[in-house]
Amino acid sequence: MNTQSISVLWQNCTDKYYLCRIIDISLRGCAQVMFQNNPVTGILFFIAIFVASYSNNNPLAAWGCVVGTLLASVTGGITHDLKGWYDGLYSYNGCLVGIAIPVFITATPMMWLCLVIGSVVSVIATVCIADILKTWKVAALTAPFVLTTWIILLASYAFHNIYGSGLPPPELSQHYIPSPHESYTLAFFVNGTMHGISQVFLFPGFMASLLFLAGLAVESVVCACYAIVGSLVATLIAYYLGANAHDIESGLYAFSAVLTSVALGTVFNHPCWRVFVYTISGVIFTVFIQAAMNIVLMPFGIPTLTMPFVVSSWLFLVPNKEFMPEHRH
C-alpha cells in the first residue's frame, strides 16, 4: 500500500469515525505549534516530546501534552470554524499548556486539574484573542497558551495545594556579570542551536531536535531550514551581546526566535531574499525581547514561555502588509 492510499484510507476514517477525527485533529494540533498542518509531522513531534521529556526525567509532561491536546481538540468542536478545528488551530495551545503545567507545577491531582482547566480555557482564549486581533489581520499565535499558563502559574503562589516546584525563584534584576570560567567552543554553539529547537516544547534535547526538524521537513524543507537559521542566529546574537552562557547553550535565547523565523520566513510570507532579511531582523529583535521579558518577569517568578515570539511576530506582521504586500500570505 503506497503513501497516497494510506492517506485516502485515513481521510475516510476521519470522515466516518469521531475518534479518528479527534486523533487527526490532535496530531495536526501538535504540528501546528510550529505551523505545520500535517498529521505525520504531529506523530514525529509527539515522539520527540516523549523522547525529550523522558530524557529530562519528566515523563508527565509528555502525557500531559497528550491529554492537553486531546482536550483542546474536543473543546474546539464547539466553535463554528470547522476548517480551523479540523486543521488543529484550536489544539496547539492546549498542547503547550499540557506540557508546561507538569514542567512548572508539582505532580499532584491538583496539577492535573490545572492542566484540564488550562487546556479547555486555551481554546476559549484562542477565540477571544483571535477576535480582538482580526482588525490587524494577525493570528493569535501562542498568546492563548502564554496567557492561560501565566495565570495558573501566578495563582499557584496563592494556593497551598498548587505548588510551583519548577518555577524560577522570584528575585530583583541585576546586571549580569559573566563567570571568568565560561568557555565557548563549537560544541557550545551547536548545542545552543539544537536545544533552541527542542526548547519550543520546553525541553532541551539533541535527539528531540532532530525529530522536530524531521517533522518540519515532512511538510516543508524550507521551514526546517528557517528553524535552524533562526536558532543559530539567535544563539550567535546572544553570545555576541554577552548573555548568560548556560542559558545560551540550553537554547533559552533561541526557542522563541525559532518560531519567529518560521512564522515570518515561510508561514506568513512567501520566501524570497527580502523576506529573509526581514525575518533575520525579527529574529535578532526577538533575542532582545527575550532578555527584556526575562528581566520584567524575574520578580514575579514565572517564565517568559513563548511570549517573546508572540510580541516580535505581531510587531513585524502588522506593518508587513505595508512593507512587502506582494509577499504576504
C-alpha atoms as a PDB file:
ATOM      1  CA  MET A   1       0.000   0.000   0.000  1.00  0.00           C
ATOM      2  CA  ASN A   2       1.540   3.341  -1.052  1.00  0.00           C
ATOM      3  CA  THR A   3       1.524   6.610   0.850  1.00  0.00           C
ATOM      4  CA  GLN A   4      -1.355   8.057  -1.165  1.00  0.00           C
ATOM      5  CA  SER A   5      -3.544   5.022  -0.431  1.00  0.00           C
ATOM      6  CA  ILE A   6      -2.813   5.284   3.287  1.00  0.00           C
ATOM      7  CA  SER A   7      -3.677   8.979   3.207  1.00  0.00           C
ATOM      8  CA  VAL A   8      -7.005   8.298   1.479  1.00  0.00           C
ATOM      9  CA  LEU A   9      -7.813   5.475   3.901  1.00  0.00           C
ATOM     10  CA  TRP A  10      -7.046   7.674   6.888  1.00  0.00           C
ATOM     11  CA  GLN A  11      -9.145  10.504   5.458  1.00  0.00           C
ATOM     12  CA  ASN A  12     -12.080   8.106   5.055  1.00  0.00           C
ATOM     13  CA  CYS A  13     -11.683   7.020   8.678  1.00  0.00           C
ATOM     14  CA  THR A  14     -11.635  10.612   9.939  1.00  0.00           C
ATOM     15  CA  ASP A  15     -14.771  11.382   7.938  1.00  0.00           C
ATOM     16  CA  LYS A  16     -16.587   8.334   9.312  1.00  0.00           C
ATOM     17  CA  TYR A  17     -15.401   7.950  12.919  1.00  0.00           C
ATOM     18  CA  TYR A  18     -15.363  10.741  15.518  1.00  0.00           C
ATOM     19  CA  LEU A  19     -12.442   9.185  17.440  1.00  0.00           C
ATOM     20  CA  CYS A  20     -10.280   9.125  14.306  1.00  0.00           C
ATOM     21  CA  ARG A  21     -11.260  12.733  13.641  1.00  0.00           C
ATOM     22  CA  ILE A  22     -10.131  13.785  17.132  1.00  0.00           C
ATOM     23  CA  ILE A  23      -6.853  11.867  16.750  1.00  0.00           C
ATOM     24  CA  ASP A  24      -6.233  13.540  13.390  1.00  0.00           C
ATOM     25  CA  ILE A  25      -7.019  16.984  14.825  1.00  0.00           C
ATOM     26  CA  SER A  26      -4.734  16.312  17.802  1.00  0.00           C
ATOM     27  CA  LEU A  27      -1.853  15.282  15.552  1.00  0.00           C
ATOM     28  CA  ARG A  28      -2.340  18.385  13.429  1.00  0.00           C
ATOM     29  CA  GLY A  29      -2.639  20.470  16.601  1.00  0.00           C
ATOM     30  CA  CYS A  30       0.732  19.277  17.859  1.00  0.00           C
ATOM     31  CA  ALA A  31       2.240  20.020  14.440  1.00  0.00           C
ATOM     32  CA  GLN A  32       0.631  23.486  14.417  1.00  0.00           C
ATOM     33  CA  VAL A  33       2.850  24.547  17.330  1.00  0.00           C
ATOM     34  CA  MET A  34       5.392  25.083  14.551  1.00  0.00           C
ATOM     35  CA  PHE A  35       2.774  25.999  11.911  1.00  0.00           C
ATOM     36  CA  GLN A  36       2.543  22.630  10.138  1.00  0.00           C
ATOM     37  CA  ASN A  37      -0.807  21.126   9.104  1.00  0.00           C
ATOM     38  CA  ASN A  38       0.276  17.513   8.742  1.00  0.00           C
ATOM     39  CA  PRO A  39      -0.605  14.503  10.945  1.00  0.00           C
ATOM     40  CA  VAL A  40       2.704  12.790  10.090  1.00  0.00           C
ATOM     41  CA  THR A  41       4.526  15.852  11.397  1.00  0.00           C
ATOM     42  CA  GLY A  42       2.355  15.601  14.502  1.00  0.00           C
ATOM     43  CA  ILE A  43       3.399  11.979  15.055  1.00  0.00           C
ATOM     44  CA  LEU A  44       7.083  12.912  14.823  1.00  0.00           C
ATOM     45  CA  PHE A  45       6.542  15.860  17.149  1.00  0.00           C
ATOM     46  CA  PHE A  46       4.805  13.679  19.740  1.00  0.00           C
ATOM     47  CA  ILE A  47       7.649  11.159  19.554  1.00  0.00           C
ATOM     48  CA  ALA A  48      10.151  13.986  20.022  1.00  0.00           C
ATOM     49  CA  ILE A  49       8.211  15.297  23.032  1.00  0.00           C
ATOM     50  CA  PHE A  50       8.262  11.848  24.663  1.00  0.00           C
ATOM     51  CA  VAL A  51      11.992  11.479  23.947  1.00  0.00           C
ATOM     52  CA  ALA A  52      12.755  14.924  25.401  1.00  0.00           C
ATOM     53  CA  SER A  53      10.527  14.626  28.467  1.00  0.00           C
ATOM     54  CA  TYR A  54      11.758  11.159  29.416  1.00  0.00           C
ATOM     55  CA  SER A  55      15.371  12.223  28.801  1.00  0.00           C
ATOM     56  CA  ASN A  56      14.833  15.144  31.183  1.00  0.00           C
ATOM     57  CA  ASN A  57      13.179  12.938  33.831  1.00  0.00           C
ATOM     58  CA  ASN A  58       9.725  14.466  33.492  1.00  0.00           C
ATOM     59  CA  PRO A  59       7.567  11.882  31.686  1.00  0.00           C
ATOM     60  CA  LEU A  60       4.363  13.505  32.975  1.00  0.00           C
ATOM     61  CA  ALA A  61       4.992  16.415  30.607  1.00  0.00           C
ATOM     62  CA  ALA A  62       4.668  14.076  27.616  1.00  0.00           C
ATOM     63  CA  TRP A  63       1.460  12.521  28.910  1.00  0.00           C
ATOM     64  CA  GLY A  64       0.194  15.963  29.870  1.00  0.00           C
ATOM     65  CA  CYS A  65       0.852  17.042  26.289  1.00  0.00           C
ATOM     66  CA  VAL A  66      -1.327  14.183  25.004  1.00  0.00           C
ATOM     67  CA  VAL A  67      -4.117  14.990  27.472  1.00  0.00           C
ATOM     68  CA  GLY A  68      -3.967  18.739  26.818  1.00  0.00           C
ATOM     69  CA  THR A  69      -4.023  18.309  23.045  1.00  0.00           C
ATOM     70  CA  LEU A  70      -6.929  15.859  23.137  1.00  0.00           C
ATOM     71  CA  LEU A  71      -8.962  18.076  25.483  1.00  0.00           C
ATOM     72  CA  ALA A  72      -8.342  21.152  23.340  1.00  0.00           C
ATOM     73  CA  SER A  73      -9.232  19.169  20.213  1.00  0.00           C
ATOM     74  CA  VAL A  74     -12.557  18.083  21.694  1.00  0.00           C
ATOM     75  CA  THR A  75     -13.302  21.565  23.070  1.00  0.00           C
ATOM     76  CA  GLY A  76     -12.502  23.148  19.708  1.00  0.00           C
ATOM     77  CA  GLY A  77     -15.514  21.346  18.287  1.00  0.00           C
ATOM     78  CA  ILE A  78     -17.815  23.909  19.912  1.00  0.00           C
ATOM     79  CA  THR A  79     -16.553  26.637  17.564  1.00  0.00           C
ATOM     80  CA  HIS A  80     -18.236  27.419  14.251  1.00  0.00           C
ATOM     81  CA  ASP A  81     -14.873  27.462  12.474  1.00  0.00           C
ATOM     82  CA  LEU A  82     -14.864  23.839  11.302  1.00  0.00           C
ATOM     83  CA  LYS A  83     -11.904  24.244   8.952  1.00  0.00           C
ATOM     84  CA  GLY A  84      -9.786  25.788  11.695  1.00  0.00           C
ATOM     85  CA  TRP A  85     -10.859  22.992  14.049  1.00  0.00           C
ATOM     86  CA  TYR A  86     -10.000  20.281  11.522  1.00  0.00           C
ATOM     87  CA  ASP A  87      -6.613  21.911  10.886  1.00  0.00           C
ATOM     88  CA  GLY A  88      -5.701  21.832  14.596  1.00  0.00           C
ATOM     89  CA  LEU A  89      -5.750  25.597  15.046  1.00  0.00           C
ATOM     90  CA  TYR A  90      -7.674  25.265  18.325  1.00  0.00           C
ATOM     91  CA  SER A  91      -5.480  22.443  19.666  1.00  0.00           C
ATOM     92  CA  TYR A  92      -1.877  23.634  19.592  1.00  0.00           C
ATOM     93  CA  ASN A  93      -2.214  25.979  22.564  1.00  0.00           C
ATOM     94  CA  GLY A  94      -3.688  23.124  24.594  1.00  0.00           C
ATOM     95  CA  CYS A  95      -0.721  21.013  23.518  1.00  0.00           C
ATOM     96  CA  LEU A  96       1.703  23.541  25.011  1.00  0.00           C
ATOM     97  CA  VAL A  97      -0.380  24.013  28.164  1.00  0.00           C
ATOM     98  CA  GLY A  98      -0.314  20.242  28.635  1.00  0.00           C
ATOM     99  CA  ILE A  99       3.495  20.285  28.596  1.00  0.00           C
ATOM    100  CA  ALA A 100       4.008  23.438  30.652  1.00  0.00           C
ATOM    101  CA  ILE A 101       1.823  22.595  33.653  1.00  0.00           C
ATOM    102  CA  PRO A 102       3.702  19.375  34.608  1.00  0.00           C
ATOM    103  CA  VAL A 103       7.016  21.161  33.991  1.00  0.00           C
ATOM    104  CA  PHE A 104       6.311  24.001  36.422  1.00  0.00           C
ATOM    105  CA  ILE A 105       3.714  22.559  38.835  1.00  0.00           C
ATOM    106  CA  THR A 106       4.329  19.680  41.275  1.00  0.00           C
ATOM    107  CA  ALA A 107       2.685  16.414  40.220  1.00  0.00           C
ATOM    108  CA  THR A 108      -0.496  16.141  42.312  1.00  0.00           C
ATOM    109  CA  PRO A 109      -4.180  15.682  41.480  1.00  0.00           C
ATOM    110  CA  MET A 110      -4.427  19.492  41.585  1.00  0.00           C
ATOM    111  CA  MET A 111      -1.792  19.706  38.872  1.00  0.00           C
ATOM    112  CA  TRP A 112      -3.968  17.579  36.603  1.00  0.00           C
ATOM    113  CA  LEU A 113      -6.972  19.747  37.448  1.00  0.00           C
ATOM    114  CA  CYS A 114      -4.988  22.832  36.416  1.00  0.00           C
ATOM    115  CA  LEU A 115      -3.964  21.066  33.209  1.00  0.00           C
ATOM    116  CA  VAL A 116      -7.545  20.182  32.322  1.00  0.00           C
ATOM    117  CA  ILE A 117      -8.826  23.680  33.066  1.00  0.00           C
ATOM    118  CA  GLY A 118      -5.931  25.321  31.235  1.00  0.00           C
ATOM    119  CA  SER A 119      -6.319  23.153  28.131  1.00  0.00           C
ATOM    120  CA  VAL A 120     -10.021  23.903  27.849  1.00  0.00           C
ATOM    121  CA  VAL A 121      -9.614  27.617  28.566  1.00  0.00           C
ATOM    122  CA  SER A 122      -6.823  27.861  25.967  1.00  0.00           C
ATOM    123  CA  VAL A 123      -9.448  27.224  23.278  1.00  0.00           C
ATOM    124  CA  ILE A 124     -11.681  29.986  24.637  1.00  0.00           C
ATOM    125  CA  ALA A 125      -8.657  32.292  24.856  1.00  0.00           C
ATOM    126  CA  THR A 126      -7.773  31.456  21.254  1.00  0.00           C
ATOM    127  CA  VAL A 127     -11.202  32.548  20.036  1.00  0.00           C
ATOM    128  CA  CYS A 128     -11.101  35.676  22.215  1.00  0.00           C
ATOM    129  CA  ILE A 129      -7.622  36.850  21.189  1.00  0.00           C
ATOM    130  CA  ALA A 130      -8.174  35.985  17.520  1.00  0.00           C
ATOM    131  CA  ASP A 131     -11.349  38.078  17.524  1.00  0.00           C
ATOM    132  CA  ILE A 132      -9.512  41.032  19.063  1.00  0.00           C
ATOM    133  CA  LEU A 133      -6.642  40.790  16.562  1.00  0.00           C
ATOM    134  CA  LYS A 134      -8.687  40.328  13.394  1.00  0.00           C
ATOM    135  CA  THR A 135      -8.693  44.111  12.874  1.00  0.00           C
ATOM    136  CA  TRP A 136      -4.947  43.948  12.265  1.00  0.00           C
ATOM    137  CA  LYS A 137      -5.151  40.657  10.350  1.00  0.00           C
ATOM    138  CA  VAL A 138      -2.639  38.833  12.531  1.00  0.00           C
ATOM    139  CA  ALA A 139      -3.012  35.456  14.214  1.00  0.00           C
ATOM    140  CA  ALA A 140      -3.267  34.744  17.936  1.00  0.00           C
ATOM    141  CA  LEU A 141      -0.157  32.548  17.667  1.00  0.00           C
ATOM    142  CA  THR A 142       0.758  31.078  21.084  1.00  0.00           C
ATOM    143  CA  ALA A 143      -0.580  34.028  23.095  1.00  0.00           C
ATOM    144  CA  PRO A 144      -3.534  31.947  24.429  1.00  0.00           C
ATOM    145  CA  PHE A 145      -1.077  29.360  25.795  1.00  0.00           C
ATOM    146  CA  VAL A 146       1.062  32.041  27.430  1.00  0.00           C
ATOM    147  CA  LEU A 147      -1.871  33.930  28.958  1.00  0.00           C
ATOM    148  CA  THR A 148      -3.552  30.785  30.296  1.00  0.00           C
ATOM    149  CA  THR A 149      -0.334  29.320  31.706  1.00  0.00           C
ATOM    150  CA  TRP A 150       0.822  32.598  33.255  1.00  0.00           C
ATOM    151  CA  ILE A 151      -2.466  32.926  35.141  1.00  0.00           C
ATOM    152  CA  ILE A 152      -2.229  29.380  36.508  1.00  0.00           C
ATOM    153  CA  LEU A 153       1.435  29.763  37.488  1.00  0.00           C
ATOM    154  CA  LEU A 154       0.862  33.106  39.217  1.00  0.00           C
ATOM    155  CA  ALA A 155      -2.181  31.699  41.002  1.00  0.00           C
ATOM    156  CA  SER A 156      -0.049  28.847  42.362  1.00  0.00           C
ATOM    157  CA  TYR A 157       1.609  31.331  44.741  1.00  0.00           C
ATOM    158  CA  ALA A 158      -1.770  31.954  46.396  1.00  0.00           C
ATOM    159  CA  PHE A 159      -2.920  28.315  46.756  1.00  0.00           C
ATOM    160  CA  HIS A 160      -1.414  25.899  49.251  1.00  0.00           C
ATOM    161  CA  ASN A 161      -2.421  22.842  47.212  1.00  0.00           C
ATOM    162  CA  ILE A 162      -0.785  24.047  43.992  1.00  0.00           C
ATOM    163  CA  TYR A 163       2.987  24.246  44.313  1.00  0.00           C
ATOM    164  CA  GLY A 164       5.169  25.595  41.542  1.00  0.00           C
ATOM    165  CA  SER A 165       8.272  23.498  42.178  1.00  0.00           C
ATOM    166  CA  GLY A 166       9.633  24.125  38.679  1.00  0.00           C
ATOM    167  CA  LEU A 167       9.215  27.897  38.753  1.00  0.00           C
ATOM    168  CA  PRO A 168      12.241  30.196  38.882  1.00  0.00           C
ATOM    169  CA  PRO A 169      12.663  31.915  42.275  1.00  0.00           C
ATOM    170  CA  PRO A 170      11.275  35.474  42.321  1.00  0.00           C
ATOM    171  CA  GLU A 171      14.123  37.984  42.583  1.00  0.00           C
ATOM    172  CA  LEU A 172      15.040  41.522  41.640  1.00  0.00           C
ATOM    173  CA  SER A 173      17.020  42.044  38.463  1.00  0.00           C
ATOM    174  CA  GLN A 174      20.676  42.956  38.477  1.00  0.00           C
ATOM    175  CA  HIS A 175      23.329  43.460  35.816  1.00  0.00           C
ATOM    176  CA  TYR A 176      24.691  40.168  34.532  1.00  0.00           C
ATOM    177  CA  ILE A 177      28.395  39.576  35.265  1.00  0.00           C
ATOM    178  CA  PRO A 178      29.858  36.635  33.304  1.00  0.00           C
ATOM    179  CA  SER A 179      31.918  33.963  35.028  1.00  0.00           C
ATOM    180  CA  PRO A 180      35.638  34.013  34.168  1.00  0.00           C
ATOM    181  CA  HIS A 181      35.459  30.229  33.611  1.00  0.00           C
ATOM    182  CA  GLU A 182      32.921  30.413  30.791  1.00  0.00           C
ATOM    183  CA  SER A 183      34.254  28.811  27.586  1.00  0.00           C
ATOM    184  CA  TYR A 184      32.844  28.903  24.071  1.00  0.00           C
ATOM    185  CA  THR A 185      33.603  26.004  21.735  1.00  0.00           C
ATOM    186  CA  LEU A 186      31.995  24.756  18.546  1.00  0.00           C
ATOM    187  CA  ALA A 187      30.008  22.254  20.641  1.00  0.00           C
ATOM    188  CA  PHE A 188      28.655  25.183  22.670  1.00  0.00           C
ATOM    189  CA  PHE A 189      27.124  26.821  19.598  1.00  0.00           C
ATOM    190  CA  VAL A 190      25.868  23.506  18.157  1.00  0.00           C
ATOM    191  CA  ASN A 191      24.167  22.697  21.477  1.00  0.00           C
ATOM    192  CA  GLY A 192      22.649  26.172  21.721  1.00  0.00           C
ATOM    193  CA  THR A 193      21.294  25.941  18.173  1.00  0.00           C
ATOM    194  CA  MET A 194      19.854  22.435  18.511  1.00  0.00           C
ATOM    195  CA  HIS A 195      18.459  22.920  22.011  1.00  0.00           C
ATOM    196  CA  GLY A 196      16.769  26.106  20.823  1.00  0.00           C
ATOM    197  CA  ILE A 197      14.619  23.994  18.511  1.00  0.00           C
ATOM    198  CA  SER A 198      13.521  21.495  21.184  1.00  0.00           C
ATOM    199  CA  GLN A 199      13.012  24.263  23.775  1.00  0.00           C
ATOM    200  CA  VAL A 200       9.976  25.352  21.759  1.00  0.00           C
ATOM    201  CA  PHE A 201       8.382  22.423  23.631  1.00  0.00           C
ATOM    202  CA  LEU A 202      10.088  23.367  26.941  1.00  0.00           C
ATOM    203  CA  PHE A 203      12.852  20.740  26.973  1.00  0.00           C
ATOM    204  CA  PRO A 204      16.456  20.701  25.725  1.00  0.00           C
ATOM    205  CA  GLY A 205      17.362  17.628  23.699  1.00  0.00           C
ATOM    206  CA  PHE A 206      19.585  16.946  20.706  1.00  0.00           C
ATOM    207  CA  MET A 207      17.701  13.848  19.517  1.00  0.00           C
ATOM    208  CA  ALA A 208      14.347  15.543  20.062  1.00  0.00           C
ATOM    209  CA  SER A 209      15.510  18.483  17.941  1.00  0.00           C
ATOM    210  CA  LEU A 210      16.408  16.156  15.090  1.00  0.00           C
ATOM    211  CA  LEU A 211      12.925  14.642  15.280  1.00  0.00           C
ATOM    212  CA  PHE A 212      11.333  18.095  15.286  1.00  0.00           C
ATOM    213  CA  LEU A 213      13.381  19.046  12.232  1.00  0.00           C
ATOM    214  CA  ALA A 214      12.365  15.798  10.528  1.00  0.00           C
ATOM    215  CA  GLY A 215       8.729  16.617  11.282  1.00  0.00           C
ATOM    216  CA  LEU A 216       9.141  20.071   9.768  1.00  0.00           C
ATOM    217  CA  ALA A 217      10.885  18.657   6.705  1.00  0.00           C
ATOM    218  CA  VAL A 218       7.998  16.245   6.082  1.00  0.00           C
ATOM    219  CA  GLU A 219       5.792  19.246   5.365  1.00  0.00           C
ATOM    220  CA  SER A 220       8.379  21.821   4.299  1.00  0.00           C
ATOM    221  CA  VAL A 221      12.159  21.587   3.997  1.00  0.00           C
ATOM    222  CA  VAL A 222      12.253  25.386   3.813  1.00  0.00           C
ATOM    223  CA  CYS A 223      10.554  25.576   7.230  1.00  0.00           C
ATOM    224  CA  ALA A 224      13.140  23.213   8.688  1.00  0.00           C
ATOM    225  CA  CYS A 225      15.942  25.367   7.264  1.00  0.00           C
ATOM    226  CA  TYR A 226      14.409  28.540   8.681  1.00  0.00           C
ATOM    227  CA  ALA A 227      14.123  26.872  12.093  1.00  0.00           C
ATOM    228  CA  ILE A 228      17.844  26.066  12.060  1.00  0.00           C
ATOM    229  CA  VAL A 229      18.819  29.508  10.783  1.00  0.00           C
ATOM    230  CA  GLY A 230      16.630  31.266  13.353  1.00  0.00           C
ATOM    231  CA  SER A 231      18.080  29.235  16.209  1.00  0.00           C
ATOM    232  CA  LEU A 232      21.674  29.719  15.026  1.00  0.00           C
ATOM    233  CA  VAL A 233      21.319  33.471  14.532  1.00  0.00           C
ATOM    234  CA  ALA A 234      19.695  33.882  17.958  1.00  0.00           C
ATOM    235  CA  THR A 235      22.449  31.822  19.591  1.00  0.00           C
ATOM    236  CA  LEU A 236      25.176  33.906  17.944  1.00  0.00           C
ATOM    237  CA  ILE A 237      23.486  37.219  18.798  1.00  0.00           C
ATOM    238  CA  ALA A 238      23.002  36.204  22.436  1.00  0.00           C
ATOM    239  CA  TYR A 239      26.672  35.229  22.612  1.00  0.00           C
ATOM    240  CA  TYR A 240      27.808  38.484  20.982  1.00  0.00           C
ATOM    241  CA  LEU A 241      25.675  40.520  23.401  1.00  0.00           C
ATOM    242  CA  GLY A 242      27.170  38.643  26.366  1.00  0.00           C
ATOM    243  CA  ALA A 243      24.158  36.723  27.660  1.00  0.00           C
ATOM    244  CA  ASN A 244      24.390  34.010  30.315  1.00  0.00           C
ATOM    245  CA  ALA A 245      26.397  31.131  28.819  1.00  0.00           C
ATOM    246  CA  HIS A 246      24.261  28.408  30.405  1.00  0.00           C
ATOM    247  CA  ASP A 247      21.070  29.968  29.048  1.00  0.00           C
ATOM    248  CA  ILE A 248      22.579  30.269  25.568  1.00  0.00           C
ATOM    249  CA  GLU A 249      23.752  26.655  25.476  1.00  0.00           C
ATOM    250  CA  SER A 250      20.395  25.443  26.815  1.00  0.00           C
ATOM    251  CA  GLY A 251      18.608  27.171  23.928  1.00  0.00           C
ATOM    252  CA  LEU A 252      16.753  29.612  26.157  1.00  0.00           C
ATOM    253  CA  TYR A 253      17.611  32.563  23.919  1.00  0.00           C
ATOM    254  CA  ALA A 254      16.772  30.716  20.699  1.00  0.00           C
ATOM    255  CA  PHE A 255      13.430  28.928  21.063  1.00  0.00           C
ATOM    256  CA  SER A 256      11.225  31.976  20.529  1.00  0.00           C
ATOM    257  CA  ALA A 257      13.488  33.032  17.667  1.00  0.00           C
ATOM    258  CA  VAL A 258      12.898  29.637  16.024  1.00  0.00           C
ATOM    259  CA  LEU A 259       9.160  30.299  15.935  1.00  0.00           C
ATOM    260  CA  THR A 260       9.690  33.887  14.760  1.00  0.00           C
ATOM    261  CA  SER A 261      11.928  32.660  11.946  1.00  0.00           C
ATOM    262  CA  VAL A 262       9.463  30.052  10.717  1.00  0.00           C
ATOM    263  CA  ALA A 263       6.489  32.422  11.058  1.00  0.00           C
ATOM    264  CA  LEU A 264       7.990  35.415   9.257  1.00  0.00           C
ATOM    265  CA  GLY A 265      10.093  33.462   6.779  1.00  0.00           C
ATOM    266  CA  THR A 266       7.651  30.873   5.465  1.00  0.00           C
ATOM    267  CA  VAL A 267       4.220  30.827   7.091  1.00  0.00           C
ATOM    268  CA  PHE A 268       3.012  34.403   6.677  1.00  0.00           C
ATOM    269  CA  ASN A 269       5.259  35.401   3.776  1.00  0.00           C
ATOM    270  CA  HIS A 270       6.362  33.825   0.513  1.00  0.00           C
ATOM    271  CA  PRO A 271      10.106  33.123   0.898  1.00  0.00           C
ATOM    272  CA  CYS A 272      12.476  35.424  -1.013  1.00  0.00           C
ATOM    273  CA  TRP A 273      15.609  37.415  -0.223  1.00  0.00           C
ATOM    274  CA  ARG A 274      13.644  40.444   1.043  1.00  0.00           C
ATOM    275  CA  VAL A 275      11.599  38.217   3.329  1.00  0.00           C
ATOM    276  CA  PHE A 276      14.818  36.566   4.526  1.00  0.00           C
ATOM    277  CA  VAL A 277      16.318  39.921   5.557  1.00  0.00           C
ATOM    278  CA  TYR A 278      13.039  40.939   7.207  1.00  0.00           C
ATOM    279  CA  THR A 279      12.921  37.611   9.051  1.00  0.00           C
ATOM    280  CA  ILE A 280      16.502  37.869  10.337  1.00  0.00           C
ATOM    281  CA  SER A 281      15.666  41.338  11.646  1.00  0.00           C
ATOM    282  CA  GLY A 282      12.729  39.838  13.522  1.00  0.00           C
ATOM    283  CA  VAL A 283      14.888  37.008  14.878  1.00  0.00           C
ATOM    284  CA  ILE A 284      17.516  39.427  16.187  1.00  0.00           C
ATOM    285  CA  PHE A 285      14.914  41.608  17.877  1.00  0.00           C
ATOM    286  CA  THR A 286      13.321  38.514  19.408  1.00  0.00           C
ATOM    287  CA  VAL A 287      16.566  37.981  21.347  1.00  0.00           C
ATOM    288  CA  PHE A 288      16.265  41.495  22.782  1.00  0.00           C
ATOM    289  CA  ILE A 289      12.612  40.907  23.675  1.00  0.00           C
ATOM    290  CA  GLN A 290      13.577  37.598  25.302  1.00  0.00           C
ATOM    291  CA  ALA A 291      16.165  39.300  27.505  1.00  0.00           C
ATOM    292  CA  ALA A 292      13.823  42.191  28.355  1.00  0.00           C
ATOM    293  CA  MET A 293      10.978  39.862  29.320  1.00  0.00           C
ATOM    294  CA  ASN A 294      13.342  37.730  31.400  1.00  0.00           C
ATOM    295  CA  ILE A 295      14.052  40.856  33.446  1.00  0.00           C
ATOM    296  CA  VAL A 296      10.436  42.043  33.597  1.00  0.00           C
ATOM    297  CA  LEU A 297       9.141  38.684  34.821  1.00  0.00           C
ATOM    298  CA  MET A 298      12.004  37.924  37.207  1.00  0.00           C
ATOM    299  CA  PRO A 299      10.287  39.496  40.271  1.00  0.00           C
ATOM    300  CA  PHE A 300       7.116  37.507  39.523  1.00  0.00           C
ATOM    301  CA  GLY A 301       8.884  34.148  39.398  1.00  0.00           C
ATOM    302  CA  ILE A 302       7.327  32.976  36.133  1.00  0.00           C
ATOM    303  CA  PRO A 303       8.975  32.102  32.788  1.00  0.00           C
ATOM    304  CA  THR A 304       8.552  34.065  29.570  1.00  0.00           C
ATOM    305  CA  LEU A 305       7.337  30.962  27.722  1.00  0.00           C
ATOM    306  CA  THR A 306       6.877  31.879  24.033  1.00  0.00           C
ATOM    307  CA  MET A 307       5.732  35.471  24.613  1.00  0.00           C
ATOM    308  CA  PRO A 308       8.895  36.998  23.050  1.00  0.00           C
ATOM    309  CA  PHE A 309       7.994  35.209  19.811  1.00  0.00           C
ATOM    310  CA  VAL A 310       4.413  36.469  20.014  1.00  0.00           C
ATOM    311  CA  VAL A 311       5.438  40.091  20.606  1.00  0.00           C
ATOM    312  CA  SER A 312       8.115  40.061  17.908  1.00  0.00           C
ATOM    313  CA  SER A 313       5.855  38.382  15.337  1.00  0.00           C
ATOM    314  CA  TRP A 314       2.976  40.780  15.975  1.00  0.00           C
ATOM    315  CA  LEU A 315       5.407  43.697  15.751  1.00  0.00           C
ATOM    316  CA  PHE A 316       6.719  42.543  12.360  1.00  0.00           C
ATOM    317  CA  LEU A 317       3.484  41.152  10.894  1.00  0.00           C
ATOM    318  CA  VAL A 318       1.274  44.221  11.322  1.00  0.00           C
ATOM    319  CA  PRO A 319       3.472  46.522   9.131  1.00  0.00           C
ATOM    320  CA  ASN A 320       4.378  43.595   6.880  1.00  0.00           C
ATOM    321  CA  LYS A 321       1.386  44.330   4.640  1.00  0.00           C
ATOM    322  CA  GLU A 322       2.813  47.823   4.048  1.00  0.00           C
ATOM    323  CA  PHE A 323       6.486  46.888   3.610  1.00  0.00           C
ATOM    324  CA  MET A 324       6.066  43.782   1.453  1.00  0.00           C
ATOM    325  CA  PRO A 325       2.412  43.313   0.477  1.00  0.00           C
ATOM    326  CA  GLU A 326       3.349  41.218  -2.557  1.00  0.00           C
ATOM    327  CA  HIS A 327       4.970  38.587  -0.325  1.00  0.00           C
ATOM    328  CA  ARG A 328       2.296  38.407   2.386  1.00  0.00           C
ATOM    329  CA  HIS A 329       0.277  35.183   2.655  1.00  0.00           C
END
